[in-house]
C-alpha atoms as a PDB file:
ATOM      1  CA  MET A   1     -13.255  17.902   6.898  1.00  0.00           C
ATOM      2  CA  SER A   2     -15.434  14.856   7.409  1.00  0.00           C
ATOM      3  CA  GLU A   3     -14.700  11.582   9.176  1.00  0.00           C
ATOM      4  CA  MET A   4     -14.953   8.413   7.141  1.00  0.00           C
ATOM      5  CA  ARG A   5     -13.784   4.840   7.012  1.00  0.00           C
ATOM      6  CA  LEU A   6     -10.913   3.886   4.726  1.00  0.00           C
ATOM      7  CA  ILE A   7     -13.294   2.029   2.404  1.00  0.00           C
ATOM      8  CA  GLU A   8     -15.441   5.151   2.053  1.00  0.00           C
ATOM      9  CA  ALA A   9     -12.389   7.273   1.242  1.00  0.00           C
ATOM     10  CA  VAL A  10     -11.384   4.925  -1.583  1.00  0.00           C
ATOM     11  CA  ARG A  11     -14.933   4.984  -2.967  1.00  0.00           C
ATOM     12  CA  ASP A  12     -15.019   8.774  -2.783  1.00  0.00           C
ATOM     13  CA  GLY A  13     -11.727   9.011  -4.658  1.00  0.00           C
ATOM     14  CA  LEU A  14     -13.024   6.747  -7.414  1.00  0.00           C
ATOM     15  CA  ARG A  15     -16.290   8.667  -7.665  1.00  0.00           C
ATOM     16  CA  GLU A  16     -14.581  12.055  -7.948  1.00  0.00           C
ATOM     17  CA  GLU A  17     -12.177  10.890 -10.642  1.00  0.00           C
ATOM     18  CA  LEU A  18     -15.004   9.268 -12.636  1.00  0.00           C
ATOM     19  CA  GLU A  19     -16.855  12.582 -12.475  1.00  0.00           C
ATOM     20  CA  ALA A  20     -13.817  14.677 -13.369  1.00  0.00           C
ATOM     21  CA  ASP A  21     -12.474  12.680 -16.329  1.00  0.00           C
ATOM     22  CA  SER A  22     -14.577  10.817 -18.898  1.00  0.00           C
ATOM     23  CA  GLY A  23     -11.502   8.734 -19.758  1.00  0.00           C
ATOM     24  CA  VAL A  24     -11.526   7.082 -16.325  1.00  0.00           C
ATOM     25  CA  PHE A  25     -13.328   3.757 -16.064  1.00  0.00           C
ATOM     26  CA  LEU A  26     -13.351   0.874 -13.590  1.00  0.00           C
ATOM     27  CA  ILE A  27     -13.016  -2.787 -14.542  1.00  0.00           C
ATOM     28  CA  GLY A  28     -12.947  -5.934 -12.443  1.00  0.00           C
ATOM     29  CA  GLN A  29     -14.837  -9.012 -11.393  1.00  0.00           C
ATOM     30  CA  ASP A  30     -18.179  -8.276  -9.684  1.00  0.00           C
ATOM     31  CA  ILE A  31     -17.406  -4.580  -9.195  1.00  0.00           C
ATOM     32  CA  GLY A  32     -20.632  -3.428 -10.852  1.00  0.00           C
ATOM     33  CA  LEU A  33     -23.895  -4.875  -9.603  1.00  0.00           C
ATOM     34  CA  ASN A  34     -22.278  -6.436  -6.524  1.00  0.00           C
ATOM     35  CA  GLY A  35     -20.006  -3.481  -5.751  1.00  0.00           C
ATOM     36  CA  GLY A  36     -16.937  -5.708  -5.424  1.00  0.00           C
ATOM     37  CA  VAL A  37     -16.165  -8.417  -2.907  1.00  0.00           C
ATOM     38  CA  PHE A  38     -15.601  -5.779  -0.197  1.00  0.00           C
ATOM     39  CA  ARG A  39     -18.271  -3.384  -1.598  1.00  0.00           C
ATOM     40  CA  VAL A  40     -15.673  -0.699  -2.371  1.00  0.00           C
ATOM     41  CA  THR A  41     -17.406   0.214  -5.649  1.00  0.00           C
ATOM     42  CA  GLU A  42     -20.934  -0.120  -4.292  1.00  0.00           C
ATOM     43  CA  GLY A  43     -23.357   2.286  -5.980  1.00  0.00           C
ATOM     44  CA  LEU A  44     -20.957   3.468  -8.674  1.00  0.00           C
ATOM     45  CA  ILE A  45     -22.590   1.508 -11.509  1.00  0.00           C
ATOM     46  CA  GLU A  46     -25.889   3.223 -10.706  1.00  0.00           C
ATOM     47  CA  GLU A  47     -24.173   6.622 -10.958  1.00  0.00           C
ATOM     48  CA  PHE A  48     -21.960   6.045 -13.996  1.00  0.00           C
ATOM     49  CA  GLY A  49     -23.434   3.082 -15.850  1.00  0.00           C
ATOM     50  CA  PRO A  50     -22.033  -0.247 -17.082  1.00  0.00           C
ATOM     51  CA  SER A  51     -19.759   1.354 -19.691  1.00  0.00           C
ATOM     52  CA  ARG A  52     -17.769   3.122 -16.939  1.00  0.00           C
ATOM     53  CA  VAL A  53     -18.028   0.439 -14.217  1.00  0.00           C
ATOM     54  CA  ILE A  54     -17.409  -2.798 -16.073  1.00  0.00           C
ATOM     55  CA  ASP A  55     -18.025  -6.290 -14.715  1.00  0.00           C
ATOM     56  CA  SER A  56     -15.350  -8.512 -16.220  1.00  0.00           C
ATOM     57  CA  PRO A  57     -14.932 -12.278 -16.545  1.00  0.00           C
ATOM     58  CA  LEU A  58     -12.790 -14.040 -13.960  1.00  0.00           C
ATOM     59  CA  ALA A  59      -9.529 -13.730 -15.893  1.00  0.00           C
ATOM     60  CA  GLU A  60      -6.946 -11.452 -14.311  1.00  0.00           C
ATOM     61  CA  SER A  61      -4.535 -11.554 -17.247  1.00  0.00           C
ATOM     62  CA  GLY A  62      -7.369 -10.556 -19.545  1.00  0.00           C
ATOM     63  CA  ILE A  63      -8.574  -7.767 -17.261  1.00  0.00           C
ATOM     64  CA  VAL A  64      -5.133  -6.212 -17.019  1.00  0.00           C
ATOM     65  CA  GLY A  65      -4.384  -6.810 -20.711  1.00  0.00           C
ATOM     66  CA  VAL A  66      -7.568  -4.987 -21.753  1.00  0.00           C
ATOM     67  CA  ALA A  67      -6.725  -2.157 -19.348  1.00  0.00           C
ATOM     68  CA  ILE A  68      -3.192  -1.787 -20.741  1.00  0.00           C
ATOM     69  CA  GLY A  69      -4.579  -1.506 -24.263  1.00  0.00           C
ATOM     70  CA  ALA A  70      -7.132   1.079 -23.162  1.00  0.00           C
ATOM     71  CA  ALA A  71      -4.473   3.059 -21.293  1.00  0.00           C
ATOM     72  CA  MET A  72      -2.224   3.117 -24.372  1.00  0.00           C
ATOM     73  CA  ASN A  73      -5.128   4.623 -26.315  1.00  0.00           C
ATOM     74  CA  GLY A  74      -5.963   7.574 -24.099  1.00  0.00           C
ATOM     75  CA  MET A  75      -8.103   6.058 -21.342  1.00  0.00           C
ATOM     76  CA  ARG A  76      -7.325   5.897 -17.619  1.00  0.00           C
ATOM     77  CA  PRO A  77      -8.494   2.477 -16.427  1.00  0.00           C
ATOM     78  CA  VAL A  78      -8.679   1.483 -12.775  1.00  0.00           C
ATOM     79  CA  VAL A  79      -8.528  -2.288 -12.348  1.00  0.00           C
ATOM     80  CA  GLU A  80      -9.761  -4.047  -9.232  1.00  0.00           C
ATOM     81  CA  ILE A  81      -8.222  -7.436  -8.452  1.00  0.00           C
ATOM     82  CA  GLN A  82     -10.470  -9.131  -5.890  1.00  0.00           C
ATOM     83  CA  PHE A  83      -7.572 -10.116  -3.636  1.00  0.00           C
ATOM     84  CA  ALA A  84      -3.878  -9.336  -4.011  1.00  0.00           C
ATOM     85  CA  ASP A  85      -3.338 -13.110  -3.964  1.00  0.00           C
ATOM     86  CA  PHE A  86      -5.084 -13.337  -7.351  1.00  0.00           C
ATOM     87  CA  ILE A  87      -2.823 -10.870  -9.155  1.00  0.00           C
ATOM     88  CA  PHE A  88      -0.273 -13.480 -10.210  1.00  0.00           C
ATOM     89  CA  PRO A  89      -2.105 -14.643 -13.388  1.00  0.00           C
ATOM     90  CA  ALA A  90      -1.623 -11.032 -14.562  1.00  0.00           C
ATOM     91  CA  PHE A  91       2.011 -10.819 -13.438  1.00  0.00           C
ATOM     92  CA  ASN A  92       3.397 -10.999 -16.956  1.00  0.00           C
ATOM     93  CA  GLN A  93       1.047  -8.284 -18.182  1.00  0.00           C
ATOM     94  CA  VAL A  94       2.037  -5.991 -15.317  1.00  0.00           C
ATOM     95  CA  VAL A  95       5.786  -6.633 -15.263  1.00  0.00           C
ATOM     96  CA  SER A  96       6.605  -7.381 -18.901  1.00  0.00           C
ATOM     97  CA  GLU A  97       4.134  -5.042 -20.594  1.00  0.00           C
ATOM     98  CA  ALA A  98       2.779  -2.202 -18.423  1.00  0.00           C
ATOM     99  CA  ALA A  99       6.045  -1.540 -16.581  1.00  0.00           C
ATOM    100  CA  ARG A 100       8.200  -1.553 -19.729  1.00  0.00           C
ATOM    101  CA  MET A 101       5.953   0.089 -22.324  1.00  0.00           C
ATOM    102  CA  TYR A 102       7.176   3.672 -21.914  1.00  0.00           C
ATOM    103  CA  TYR A 103      10.819   2.497 -21.938  1.00  0.00           C
ATOM    104  CA  ARG A 104      10.526   0.112 -24.888  1.00  0.00           C
ATOM    105  CA  THR A 105       8.709   2.701 -27.055  1.00  0.00           C
ATOM    106  CA  ASN A 106      11.135   5.504 -26.159  1.00  0.00           C
ATOM    107  CA  GLY A 107       8.313   7.492 -24.600  1.00  0.00           C
ATOM    108  CA  GLU A 108       5.865   7.099 -27.480  1.00  0.00           C
ATOM    109  CA  TYR A 109       3.352   5.181 -25.339  1.00  0.00           C
ATOM    110  CA  SER A 110       2.601   5.580 -21.671  1.00  0.00           C
ATOM    111  CA  VAL A 111       0.324   3.364 -19.572  1.00  0.00           C
ATOM    112  CA  PRO A 112      -1.776   5.459 -17.153  1.00  0.00           C
ATOM    113  CA  LEU A 113      -3.139   2.416 -15.341  1.00  0.00           C
ATOM    114  CA  VAL A 114      -4.052   1.828 -11.694  1.00  0.00           C
ATOM    115  CA  ILE A 115      -4.380  -1.679 -10.301  1.00  0.00           C
ATOM    116  CA  ARG A 116      -6.133  -1.791  -6.921  1.00  0.00           C
ATOM    117  CA  ALA A 117      -6.056  -4.871  -4.716  1.00  0.00           C
ATOM    118  CA  PRO A 118      -6.841  -5.639  -1.060  1.00  0.00           C
ATOM    119  CA  TYR A 119      -3.895  -7.281   0.695  1.00  0.00           C
ATOM    120  CA  GLY A 120      -2.947  -8.654   4.109  1.00  0.00           C
ATOM    121  CA  GLY A 121      -4.096 -11.037   6.818  1.00  0.00           C
ATOM    122  CA  GLY A 122      -6.078 -10.863  10.001  1.00  0.00           C
ATOM    123  CA  VAL A 123      -9.487 -11.544   8.452  1.00  0.00           C
ATOM    124  CA  ARG A 124      -9.329 -15.366   8.598  1.00  0.00           C
ATOM    125  CA  GLY A 125      -8.826 -15.567   4.858  1.00  0.00           C
ATOM    126  CA  GLY A 126      -6.423 -18.486   4.961  1.00  0.00           C
ATOM    127  CA  LEU A 127      -3.667 -19.165   2.483  1.00  0.00           C
ATOM    128  CA  TYR A 128      -5.220 -17.647  -0.646  1.00  0.00           C
ATOM    129  CA  HIS A 129      -6.749 -14.460   0.739  1.00  0.00           C
ATOM    130  CA  SER A 130      -4.075 -13.130   3.101  1.00  0.00           C
ATOM    131  CA  GLN A 131      -0.894 -12.405   1.155  1.00  0.00           C
ATOM    132  CA  SER A 132       1.174  -9.241   1.022  1.00  0.00           C
ATOM    133  CA  VAL A 133       2.582  -8.930  -2.493  1.00  0.00           C
ATOM    134  CA  GLU A 134       4.057  -5.424  -2.604  1.00  0.00           C
ATOM    135  CA  ALA A 135       7.701  -6.530  -2.654  1.00  0.00           C
ATOM    136  CA  TYR A 136       7.241  -8.432  -5.938  1.00  0.00           C
ATOM    137  CA  PHE A 137       6.284  -5.221  -7.704  1.00  0.00           C
ATOM    138  CA  ALA A 138       8.494  -2.786  -5.782  1.00  0.00           C
ATOM    139  CA  HIS A 139      11.393  -4.673  -7.395  1.00  0.00           C
ATOM    140  CA  VAL A 140      10.319  -3.664 -10.916  1.00  0.00           C
ATOM    141  CA  PRO A 141      11.490  -0.419 -12.562  1.00  0.00           C
ATOM    142  CA  GLY A 142       8.603   1.299 -14.329  1.00  0.00           C
ATOM    143  CA  LEU A 143       6.051   0.579 -11.614  1.00  0.00           C
ATOM    144  CA  LYS A 144       4.950   2.715  -8.692  1.00  0.00           C
ATOM    145  CA  VAL A 145       3.692   0.911  -5.600  1.00  0.00           C
ATOM    146  CA  VAL A 146       1.451   2.699  -3.108  1.00  0.00           C
ATOM    147  CA  VAL A 147       0.272   1.327   0.253  1.00  0.00           C
ATOM    148  CA  PRO A 148      -1.816   3.895   2.182  1.00  0.00           C
ATOM    149  CA  SER A 149      -2.517   3.712   5.904  1.00  0.00           C
ATOM    150  CA  SER A 150      -5.385   6.167   6.457  1.00  0.00           C
ATOM    151  CA  PRO A 151      -8.557   7.429   4.765  1.00  0.00           C
ATOM    152  CA  TYR A 152      -6.877  10.775   4.031  1.00  0.00           C
ATOM    153  CA  GLU A 153      -3.973   9.131   2.247  1.00  0.00           C
ATOM    154  CA  SER A 154      -6.109   6.462   0.585  1.00  0.00           C
ATOM    155  CA  LYS A 155      -8.237   9.042  -1.192  1.00  0.00           C
ATOM    156  CA  GLY A 156      -5.445  11.519  -1.951  1.00  0.00           C
ATOM    157  CA  LEU A 157      -2.975   8.923  -3.174  1.00  0.00           C
ATOM    158  CA  LEU A 158      -5.599   7.119  -5.241  1.00  0.00           C
ATOM    159  CA  LYS A 159      -6.528  10.341  -7.033  1.00  0.00           C
ATOM    160  CA  ALA A 160      -2.837  11.039  -7.646  1.00  0.00           C
ATOM    161  CA  ALA A 161      -2.383   7.491  -8.967  1.00  0.00           C
ATOM    162  CA  ILE A 162      -5.284   7.810 -11.417  1.00  0.00           C
ATOM    163  CA  ARG A 163      -3.831  11.075 -12.745  1.00  0.00           C
ATOM    164  CA  ASP A 164      -0.334   9.581 -13.063  1.00  0.00           C
ATOM    165  CA  ASP A 165       0.808   8.783 -16.604  1.00  0.00           C
ATOM    166  CA  ASN A 166       2.521   5.552 -15.560  1.00  0.00           C
ATOM    167  CA  PRO A 167       1.261   2.290 -14.005  1.00  0.00           C
ATOM    168  CA  VAL A 168       0.577   2.299 -10.259  1.00  0.00           C
ATOM    169  CA  LEU A 169      -0.069  -0.691  -8.000  1.00  0.00           C
ATOM    170  CA  PHE A 170      -2.383   0.440  -5.195  1.00  0.00           C
ATOM    171  CA  PHE A 171      -2.689  -1.950  -2.241  1.00  0.00           C
ATOM    172  CA  GLU A 172      -5.374  -1.490   0.431  1.00  0.00           C
ATOM    173  CA  HIS A 173      -5.257  -3.540   3.630  1.00  0.00           C
ATOM    174  CA  LYS A 174      -8.542  -5.386   3.822  1.00  0.00           C
ATOM    175  CA  LEU A 175      -8.601  -5.329   7.646  1.00  0.00           C
ATOM    176  CA  ALA A 176      -8.278  -1.536   7.522  1.00  0.00           C
ATOM    177  CA  TYR A 177     -11.308  -1.006   5.266  1.00  0.00           C
ATOM    178  CA  ASN A 178     -13.788  -0.737   8.137  1.00  0.00           C
ATOM    179  CA  THR A 179     -11.549  -0.473  11.200  1.00  0.00           C
ATOM    180  CA  VAL A 180      -9.480   2.589  10.290  1.00  0.00           C
ATOM    181  CA  ARG A 181     -11.280   5.925  10.397  1.00  0.00           C
ATOM    182  CA  GLY A 182      -9.979   9.439   9.910  1.00  0.00           C
ATOM    183  CA  GLU A 183     -10.571  12.985   8.754  1.00  0.00           C
ATOM    184  CA  VAL A 184     -10.728  13.598   5.015  1.00  0.00           C
ATOM    185  CA  PRO A 185     -10.816  17.077   3.436  1.00  0.00           C
ATOM    186  CA  GLU A 186     -13.884  18.044   1.452  1.00  0.00           C
ATOM    187  CA  GLY A 187     -13.240  18.928  -2.164  1.00  0.00           C
ATOM    188  CA  ASP A 188     -10.500  17.966  -4.558  1.00  0.00           C
ATOM    189  CA  TYR A 189      -7.017  17.171  -3.225  1.00  0.00           C
ATOM    190  CA  THR A 190      -4.180  14.754  -3.906  1.00  0.00           C
ATOM    191  CA  VAL A 191      -1.336  13.318  -1.863  1.00  0.00           C
ATOM    192  CA  PRO A 192       1.928  13.190  -3.865  1.00  0.00           C
ATOM    193  CA  ILE A 193       3.240   9.739  -4.722  1.00  0.00           C
ATOM    194  CA  GLY A 194       6.773   9.222  -3.374  1.00  0.00           C
ATOM    195  CA  GLU A 195       6.498  11.319  -0.211  1.00  0.00           C
ATOM    196  CA  ALA A 196       6.610   9.742   3.236  1.00  0.00           C
ATOM    197  CA  ALA A 197       5.022  11.328   6.316  1.00  0.00           C
ATOM    198  CA  VAL A 198       6.140  11.532   9.934  1.00  0.00           C
ATOM    199  CA  LYS A 199       3.051  10.434  11.866  1.00  0.00           C
ATOM    200  CA  ARG A 200       4.569  10.903  15.321  1.00  0.00           C
ATOM    201  CA  GLU A 201       7.607  12.900  16.360  1.00  0.00           C
ATOM    202  CA  GLY A 202      10.207  11.175  18.536  1.00  0.00           C
ATOM    203  CA  GLU A 203      13.827  11.413  19.653  1.00  0.00           C
ATOM    204  CA  GLN A 204      15.265   7.987  20.481  1.00  0.00           C
ATOM    205  CA  LEU A 205      14.088   5.517  17.863  1.00  0.00           C
ATOM    206  CA  SER A 206      12.540   5.529  14.371  1.00  0.00           C
ATOM    207  CA  LEU A 207       9.690   3.118  13.611  1.00  0.00           C
ATOM    208  CA  ILE A 208       9.338   2.906   9.819  1.00  0.00           C
ATOM    209  CA  SER A 209       6.356   1.247   8.189  1.00  0.00           C
ATOM    210  CA  TYR A 210       3.474   1.442   5.702  1.00  0.00           C
ATOM    211  CA  GLY A 211      -0.151   0.339   5.430  1.00  0.00           C
ATOM    212  CA  LEU A 212      -1.900  -1.168   8.449  1.00  0.00           C
ATOM    213  CA  SER A 213       1.435  -1.728  10.198  1.00  0.00           C
ATOM    214  CA  VAL A 214       1.724   2.045  10.659  1.00  0.00           C
ATOM    215  CA  HIS A 215      -1.114   1.813  13.177  1.00  0.00           C
ATOM    216  CA  HIS A 216       0.718  -0.978  14.986  1.00  0.00           C
ATOM    217  CA  CYS A 217       3.764   1.295  15.173  1.00  0.00           C
ATOM    218  CA  LEU A 218       1.689   4.165  16.546  1.00  0.00           C
ATOM    219  CA  GLU A 219       0.174   1.897  19.190  1.00  0.00           C
ATOM    220  CA  ALA A 220       3.622   0.586  20.110  1.00  0.00           C
ATOM    221  CA  ALA A 221       5.020   4.130  20.290  1.00  0.00           C
ATOM    222  CA  GLU A 222       2.278   5.149  22.699  1.00  0.00           C
ATOM    223  CA  THR A 223       3.033   2.190  24.989  1.00  0.00           C
ATOM    224  CA  LEU A 224       6.777   2.790  24.817  1.00  0.00           C
ATOM    225  CA  SER A 225       6.364   6.472  25.683  1.00  0.00           C
ATOM    226  CA  VAL A 226       5.101   5.422  29.121  1.00  0.00           C
ATOM    227  CA  GLU A 227       8.395   3.567  29.574  1.00  0.00           C
ATOM    228  CA  GLY A 228      10.364   6.667  28.627  1.00  0.00           C
ATOM    229  CA  ILE A 229      11.243   5.517  25.112  1.00  0.00           C
ATOM    230  CA  SER A 230      10.494   8.254  22.576  1.00  0.00           C
ATOM    231  CA  CYS A 231       9.668   6.820  19.144  1.00  0.00           C
ATOM    232  CA  GLU A 232       9.237   8.594  15.837  1.00  0.00           C
ATOM    233  CA  VAL A 233       6.828   6.917  13.406  1.00  0.00           C
ATOM    234  CA  VAL A 234       7.500   7.286   9.681  1.00  0.00           C
ATOM    235  CA  ASP A 235       4.786   6.216   7.240  1.00  0.00           C
ATOM    236  CA  LEU A 236       6.435   5.453   3.895  1.00  0.00           C
ATOM    237  CA  ARG A 237       3.053   5.587   2.084  1.00  0.00           C
ATOM    238  CA  THR A 238       4.851   4.686  -1.171  1.00  0.00           C
ATOM    239  CA  VAL A 239       7.228   1.726  -1.290  1.00  0.00           C
ATOM    240  CA  ARG A 240       8.276   2.504  -4.874  1.00  0.00           C
ATOM    241  CA  PRO A 241       9.608   5.135  -5.142  1.00  0.00           C
ATOM    242  CA  LEU A 242      10.876   5.374  -1.573  1.00  0.00           C
ATOM    243  CA  ASP A 243      11.196   8.772   0.068  1.00  0.00           C
ATOM    244  CA  THR A 244      14.763   8.276   1.242  1.00  0.00           C
ATOM    245  CA  ASP A 245      15.135  11.878   2.417  1.00  0.00           C
ATOM    246  CA  THR A 246      12.398  11.625   5.040  1.00  0.00           C
ATOM    247  CA  LEU A 247      13.386   8.229   6.395  1.00  0.00           C
ATOM    248  CA  LEU A 248      17.096   9.131   6.557  1.00  0.00           C
ATOM    249  CA  GLU A 249      16.346  12.434   8.252  1.00  0.00           C
ATOM    250  CA  SER A 250      14.437  10.546  10.926  1.00  0.00           C
ATOM    251  CA  VAL A 251      17.121   7.901  11.451  1.00  0.00           C
ATOM    252  CA  LYS A 252      19.909  10.480  11.597  1.00  0.00           C
ATOM    253  CA  LYS A 253      17.958  12.259  14.325  1.00  0.00           C
ATOM    254  CA  THR A 254      17.176   9.189  16.454  1.00  0.00           C
ATOM    255  CA  GLY A 255      20.176   6.932  15.747  1.00  0.00           C
ATOM    256  CA  ARG A 256      18.045   3.769  15.868  1.00  0.00           C
ATOM    257  CA  ALA A 257      15.713   2.218  13.301  1.00  0.00           C
ATOM    258  CA  CYS A 258      13.096  -0.527  13.330  1.00  0.00           C
ATOM    259  CA  ILE A 259      11.249  -1.347  10.113  1.00  0.00           C
ATOM    260  CA  ALA A 260       7.899  -3.113  10.447  1.00  0.00           C
ATOM    261  CA  HIS A 261       5.694  -4.720   7.802  1.00  0.00           C
ATOM    262  CA  GLU A 262       3.294  -7.641   7.478  1.00  0.00           C
ATOM    263  CA  ASP A 263       5.029  -9.213   4.486  1.00  0.00           C
ATOM    264  CA  ASN A 264       7.573 -12.010   4.924  1.00  0.00           C
ATOM    265  CA  LEU A 265      10.937 -11.022   6.369  1.00  0.00           C
ATOM    266  CA  THR A 266      13.192 -12.304   3.578  1.00  0.00           C
ATOM    267  CA  GLY A 267      13.178 -10.115   0.474  1.00  0.00           C
ATOM    268  CA  GLY A 268      10.631  -7.705   1.895  1.00  0.00           C
ATOM    269  CA  VAL A 269      10.553  -3.923   1.567  1.00  0.00           C
ATOM    270  CA  GLY A 270      12.196  -3.712   5.003  1.00  0.00           C
ATOM    271  CA  GLY A 271      15.392  -5.207   3.617  1.00  0.00           C
ATOM    272  CA  GLU A 272      15.687  -2.433   1.013  1.00  0.00           C
ATOM    273  CA  VAL A 273      14.998   0.240   3.628  1.00  0.00           C
ATOM    274  CA  ALA A 274      17.610  -1.308   5.919  1.00  0.00           C
ATOM    275  CA  ALA A 275      20.169  -1.292   3.089  1.00  0.00           C
ATOM    276  CA  ILE A 276      19.541   2.397   2.414  1.00  0.00           C
ATOM    277  CA  ILE A 277      19.948   3.222   6.110  1.00  0.00           C
ATOM    278  CA  ALA A 278      23.141   1.138   6.356  1.00  0.00           C
ATOM    279  CA  ARG A 279      24.634   2.893   3.338  1.00  0.00           C
ATOM    280  CA  ASP A 280      23.565   6.493   3.939  1.00  0.00           C
ATOM    281  CA  ALA A 281      23.145   6.769   7.718  1.00  0.00           C
ATOM    282  CA  PHE A 282      25.723   4.285   9.013  1.00  0.00           C
ATOM    283  CA  GLU A 283      27.715   6.856  10.980  1.00  0.00           C
ATOM    284  CA  TYR A 284      24.573   8.037  12.749  1.00  0.00           C
ATOM    285  CA  LEU A 285      23.491   4.607  14.001  1.00  0.00           C
ATOM    286  CA  ASP A 286      23.780   3.696  17.661  1.00  0.00           C
ATOM    287  CA  ALA A 287      22.415   0.156  17.179  1.00  0.00           C
ATOM    288  CA  PRO A 288      21.895  -2.400  14.397  1.00  0.00           C
ATOM    289  CA  VAL A 289      18.837  -1.887  12.195  1.00  0.00           C
ATOM    290  CA  GLN A 290      15.937  -4.090  13.318  1.00  0.00           C
ATOM    291  CA  ARG A 291      13.155  -5.598  11.218  1.00  0.00           C
ATOM    292  CA  VAL A 292       9.759  -6.820  12.411  1.00  0.00           C
ATOM    293  CA  ALA A 293       7.911  -8.900   9.824  1.00  0.00           C
ATOM    294  CA  ALA A 294       5.979 -12.103   9.312  1.00  0.00           C
ATOM    295  CA  PRO A 295       8.080 -15.267   9.445  1.00  0.00           C
ATOM    296  CA  ASP A 296       8.998 -16.979   6.201  1.00  0.00           C
ATOM    297  CA  VAL A 297       5.947 -19.215   5.905  1.00  0.00           C
ATOM    298  CA  PRO A 298       4.037 -19.661   2.603  1.00  0.00           C
ATOM    299  CA  SER A 299       1.002 -17.742   3.874  1.00  0.00           C
ATOM    300  CA  PHE A 300      -1.118 -17.245   6.969  1.00  0.00           C
ATOM    301  CA  PRO A 301      -2.922 -20.418   8.072  1.00  0.00           C
ATOM    302  CA  TYR A 302      -6.651 -20.979   8.489  1.00  0.00           C
ATOM    303  CA  ASN A 303      -6.379 -21.641  12.222  1.00  0.00           C
ATOM    304  CA  PRO A 304      -7.167 -18.369  14.035  1.00  0.00           C
ATOM    305  CA  ALA A 305      -4.708 -18.949  16.879  1.00  0.00           C
ATOM    306  CA  LEU A 306      -1.895 -19.739  14.446  1.00  0.00           C
ATOM    307  CA  GLU A 307      -2.713 -16.731  12.287  1.00  0.00           C
ATOM    308  CA  ASP A 308      -2.647 -14.442  15.309  1.00  0.00           C
ATOM    309  CA  ALA A 309       0.677 -15.931  16.388  1.00  0.00           C
ATOM    310  CA  LEU A 310       2.269 -15.313  12.974  1.00  0.00           C
ATOM    311  CA  LEU A 311       0.881 -11.828  12.324  1.00  0.00           C
ATOM    312  CA  PRO A 312       3.393  -9.161  13.410  1.00  0.00           C
ATOM    313  CA  GLY A 313       1.730  -6.627  15.676  1.00  0.00           C
ATOM    314  CA  PRO A 314       2.337  -3.966  18.324  1.00  0.00           C
ATOM    315  CA  ALA A 315       3.759  -6.467  20.846  1.00  0.00           C
ATOM    316  CA  ASP A 316       6.451  -7.573  18.367  1.00  0.00           C
ATOM    317  CA  ILE A 317       7.361  -3.966  17.598  1.00  0.00           C
ATOM    318  CA  ILE A 318       7.547  -3.149  21.304  1.00  0.00           C
ATOM    319  CA  ARG A 319       9.943  -6.059  21.935  1.00  0.00           C
ATOM    320  CA  ALA A 320      12.209  -4.995  19.059  1.00  0.00           C
ATOM    321  CA  ALA A 321      12.146  -1.349  20.164  1.00  0.00           C
ATOM    322  CA  ARG A 322      13.082  -2.245  23.740  1.00  0.00           C
ATOM    323  CA  GLU A 323      16.077  -4.225  22.447  1.00  0.00           C
ATOM    324  CA  LEU A 324      17.158  -1.255  20.341  1.00  0.00           C
ATOM    325  CA  ALA A 325      16.724   1.221  23.161  1.00  0.00           C
ATOM    326  CA  ALA A 326      18.794  -0.961  25.491  1.00  0.00           C
ATOM    327  CA  TYR A 327      21.588  -1.649  22.999  1.00  0.00           C
END
């Protein structure tokens, strides 16, 4: 085991898959000589050359379109979109082509494509560099959507995504790149897509989340434990497909559920999780299902004080958990 930052774990995963499979290549704007806007791919062009680490024009629909074609012809492309906010010019390629190709060709063509993108606020990125976009794609059959929370999961899930024969959206919280550290096994390993993980055992209340918000839940759970409120923290890790068995097992044990994510409240992943709990664990609930999320504003503002006020964090989760515990 070695300790590394989340950004280093992603880079390690990319490096190992480039070494292991000559069909893997990276493509995106400024990912070669500059190493990407966050330097995730730094040094990889020197190791693997410009035919494996490809600097593309600034044209997201073109980048993804080229990658889909390559994937349909035996390659395993990994696309980097500079910010999740910029993925929308490629939305039609992802949703109408990549997601439907296997279905529309009756299994003749698959699209083993990974699209990586940094998401989320908290870095003073303003309106166009702070969005959480996972719910748009979690809605679409044919896509898998992965949002890791730790270096261990970032590397293991990324390797699993690259080896998957179907398209995977892989979202990395930009604030977590250098602030989240953790132990990562040496050597080859993968983390299965579609399996959640219980990050903290608890008895009275389930905190369910993914990505950076998992760390907010863990911080909240630690504070609440001092008050005598025992919280279990479930990291979904994959928001499509959802691991309903793990989250329902937790809720049936605790009888209370709070779902936390940074995305907007309305139409977010939390609403789907809440619906599953209401349908399949209704008789086990001792309180209404709670959601903690960003308010329904177009995006996080430039003003630091306003951004901090709108970002859901540990304090918001603690307030919701106290209400649930007292219900």
